[in-house]
C-alpha atoms as a PDB file:
ATOM      1  CA  PRO A   1      -5.588   8.098  15.364  1.00  0.00           C
ATOM      2  CA  GLN A   2      -1.818   7.977  14.915  1.00  0.00           C
ATOM      3  CA  THR A   3      -0.003   8.354  11.612  1.00  0.00           C
ATOM      4  CA  LEU A   4       3.201   6.383  10.979  1.00  0.00           C
ATOM      5  CA  THR A   5       5.577   6.017   8.077  1.00  0.00           C
ATOM      6  CA  LEU A   6       6.587   2.449   7.254  1.00  0.00           C
ATOM      7  CA  VAL A   7      10.369   2.158   7.165  1.00  0.00           C
ATOM      8  CA  GLY A   8      12.998  -0.360   8.203  1.00  0.00           C
ATOM      9  CA  GLU A   9      14.517  -0.467  11.674  1.00  0.00           C
ATOM     10  CA  LEU A  10      17.157   2.159  12.415  1.00  0.00           C
ATOM     11  CA  GLU A  11      20.427   1.513  14.152  1.00  0.00           C
ATOM     12  CA  GLU A  12      21.332   3.853  17.025  1.00  0.00           C
ATOM     13  CA  SER A  13      23.839   5.804  14.864  1.00  0.00           C
ATOM     14  CA  ASP A  14      21.174   6.383  12.192  1.00  0.00           C
ATOM     15  CA  LEU A  15      18.865   8.146  14.648  1.00  0.00           C
ATOM     16  CA  GLU A  16      21.084  11.262  14.820  1.00  0.00           C
ATOM     17  CA  GLU A  17      21.223  11.499  11.017  1.00  0.00           C
ATOM     18  CA  ASP A  18      17.465  10.957  10.796  1.00  0.00           C
ATOM     19  CA  ASP A  19      16.816  13.984  13.046  1.00  0.00           C
ATOM     20  CA  ASN A  20      18.305  16.199  10.327  1.00  0.00           C
ATOM     21  CA  LEU A  21      15.896  14.734   7.765  1.00  0.00           C
ATOM     22  CA  ALA A  22      12.713  15.126   9.818  1.00  0.00           C
ATOM     23  CA  GLY A  23       9.735  15.766   7.580  1.00  0.00           C
ATOM     24  CA  ASP A  24      11.349  14.302   4.458  1.00  0.00           C
ATOM     25  CA  ILE A  25       9.553  11.205   3.184  1.00  0.00           C
ATOM     26  CA  ASN A  26      11.229   8.798   0.799  1.00  0.00           C
ATOM     27  CA  GLU A  27       9.173   7.874  -2.284  1.00  0.00           C
ATOM     28  CA  THR A  28       9.301   4.179  -1.304  1.00  0.00           C
ATOM     29  CA  GLU A  29       7.758   4.793   2.130  1.00  0.00           C
ATOM     30  CA  GLU A  30       4.024   4.517   2.687  1.00  0.00           C
ATOM     31  CA  GLU A  31       2.065   6.478   5.255  1.00  0.00           C
ATOM     32  CA  VAL A  32      -0.463   4.598   7.339  1.00  0.00           C
ATOM     33  CA  GLU A  33      -2.970   5.291  10.098  1.00  0.00           C
ATOM     34  CA  ILE A  34      -2.847   2.909  13.056  1.00  0.00           C
ATOM     35  CA  LEU A  35      -6.379   1.684  13.791  1.00  0.00           C
ATOM     36  CA  VAL A  36      -5.615  -0.868  16.519  1.00  0.00           C
ATOM     37  CA  SER A  37      -2.441  -1.959  18.328  1.00  0.00           C
ATOM     38  CA  PHE A  38      -1.885  -4.904  20.657  1.00  0.00           C
ATOM     39  CA  GLU A  39       0.905  -7.058  22.017  1.00  0.00           C
ATOM     40  CA  GLU A  40       0.977 -10.846  22.240  1.00  0.00           C
ATOM     41  CA  ASP A  41       3.890 -12.967  23.484  1.00  0.00           C
ATOM     42  CA  GLY A  42       6.199  -9.936  23.388  1.00  0.00           C
ATOM     43  CA  GLN A  43       5.387  -9.147  19.731  1.00  0.00           C
ATOM     44  CA  GLU A  44       3.570  -5.898  18.899  1.00  0.00           C
ATOM     45  CA  TYR A  45       0.932  -5.962  16.138  1.00  0.00           C
ATOM     46  CA  HIS A  46      -0.880  -3.127  14.351  1.00  0.00           C
ATOM     47  CA  LEU A  47      -3.942  -2.982  12.154  1.00  0.00           C
ATOM     48  CA  VAL A  48      -3.291  -0.102   9.775  1.00  0.00           C
ATOM     49  CA  ARG A  49      -5.049   1.733   6.960  1.00  0.00           C
ATOM     50  CA  LEU A  50      -3.027   3.069   4.031  1.00  0.00           C
ATOM     51  CA  LEU A  51      -3.539   6.818   3.611  1.00  0.00           C
ATOM     52  CA  ASP A  52      -2.992   6.637  -0.151  1.00  0.00           C
ATOM     53  CA  PRO A  53      -5.571   4.670  -2.136  1.00  0.00           C
ATOM     54  CA  VAL A  54      -4.554   1.225  -3.363  1.00  0.00           C
ATOM     55  CA  LEU A  55      -6.226  -0.556  -6.264  1.00  0.00           C
ATOM     56  CA  LEU A  56      -6.377  -4.348  -6.212  1.00  0.00           C
ATOM     57  CA  VAL A  57      -7.375  -6.344  -9.282  1.00  0.00           C
ATOM     58  CA  GLY A  58      -9.222  -9.578  -8.697  1.00  0.00           C
ATOM     59  CA  LYS A  59     -11.697 -11.996 -10.195  1.00  0.00           C
ATOM     60  CA  SER A  60     -15.001 -13.437  -9.036  1.00  0.00           C
ATOM     61  CA  GLY A  61     -14.793 -16.370  -6.667  1.00  0.00           C
ATOM     62  CA  ASN A  62     -17.628 -18.321  -5.052  1.00  0.00           C
ATOM     63  CA  GLU A  63     -20.837 -16.316  -4.597  1.00  0.00           C
ATOM     64  CA  ASN A  64     -19.828 -13.046  -2.849  1.00  0.00           C
ATOM     65  CA  THR A  65     -16.055 -13.472  -2.848  1.00  0.00           C
ATOM     66  CA  ARG A  66     -13.247 -11.987  -4.913  1.00  0.00           C
ATOM     67  CA  ILE A  67      -9.822 -13.578  -5.470  1.00  0.00           C
ATOM     68  CA  LEU A  68      -6.583 -11.736  -6.240  1.00  0.00           C
ATOM     69  CA  LEU A  69      -4.987 -12.617  -9.556  1.00  0.00           C
ATOM     70  CA  THR A  70      -2.053 -14.976  -9.807  1.00  0.00           C
ATOM     71  CA  PRO A  71       1.138 -13.446 -11.274  1.00  0.00           C
ATOM     72  CA  GLU A  72       0.433 -15.199 -14.582  1.00  0.00           C
ATOM     73  CA  GLU A  73      -3.159 -13.900 -14.694  1.00  0.00           C
ATOM     74  CA  SER A  74      -1.926 -10.426 -13.799  1.00  0.00           C
ATOM     75  CA  ASP A  75       0.620 -10.485 -16.647  1.00  0.00           C
ATOM     76  CA  ASN A  76      -2.220 -11.337 -19.041  1.00  0.00           C
ATOM     77  CA  VAL A  77      -4.958  -9.040 -17.693  1.00  0.00           C
ATOM     78  CA  MET A  78      -3.133  -5.894 -16.555  1.00  0.00           C
ATOM     79  CA  PRO A  79      -2.054  -4.631 -20.024  1.00  0.00           C
ATOM     80  CA  LYS A  80      -5.655  -5.000 -21.216  1.00  0.00           C
ATOM     81  CA  LEU A  81      -7.016  -3.250 -18.139  1.00  0.00           C
ATOM     82  CA  GLU A  82      -4.489  -0.407 -18.452  1.00  0.00           C
ATOM     83  CA  ASN A  83      -5.429   0.053 -22.112  1.00  0.00           C
ATOM     84  CA  MET A  84      -9.154   0.132 -21.234  1.00  0.00           C
ATOM     85  CA  PHE A  85      -8.476   2.716 -18.508  1.00  0.00           C
ATOM     86  CA  LEU A  86      -6.385   4.939 -20.796  1.00  0.00           C
ATOM     87  CA  THR A  87      -9.048   4.766 -23.519  1.00  0.00           C
ATOM     88  CA  TYR A  88     -11.690   5.719 -20.937  1.00  0.00           C
ATOM     89  CA  GLN A  89      -9.551   8.640 -19.685  1.00  0.00           C
ATOM     90  CA  GLU A  90      -9.000   9.915 -23.232  1.00  0.00           C
ATOM     91  CA  GLY A  91     -12.779   9.858 -23.821  1.00  0.00           C
ATOM     92  CA  ASP A  92     -13.330  12.037 -20.723  1.00  0.00           C
ATOM     93  CA  GLU A  93     -10.871  14.656 -22.003  1.00  0.00           C
ATOM     94  CA  MET A  94     -12.876  15.245 -25.180  1.00  0.00           C
END
């Protein structure tokens, strides 16, 4: 598997400066592993897996499905969920 860092496109002049920064990763960049790559109509596509875990909050849908929260639902639920998590973490420390 290959490992890439997601960043914007670089202009030719930026490539020389980037060589001096090799190995440095900006906090806003995410590292991914390329699972599959293919090209269609001149456009390259990649299926990637994030190397850092990502938590998604959702709700039950029909039968075996889950649905991501709307922004309004997230604004309502996330503070409660964060409080529950912090309370749980504090209980583990005792």
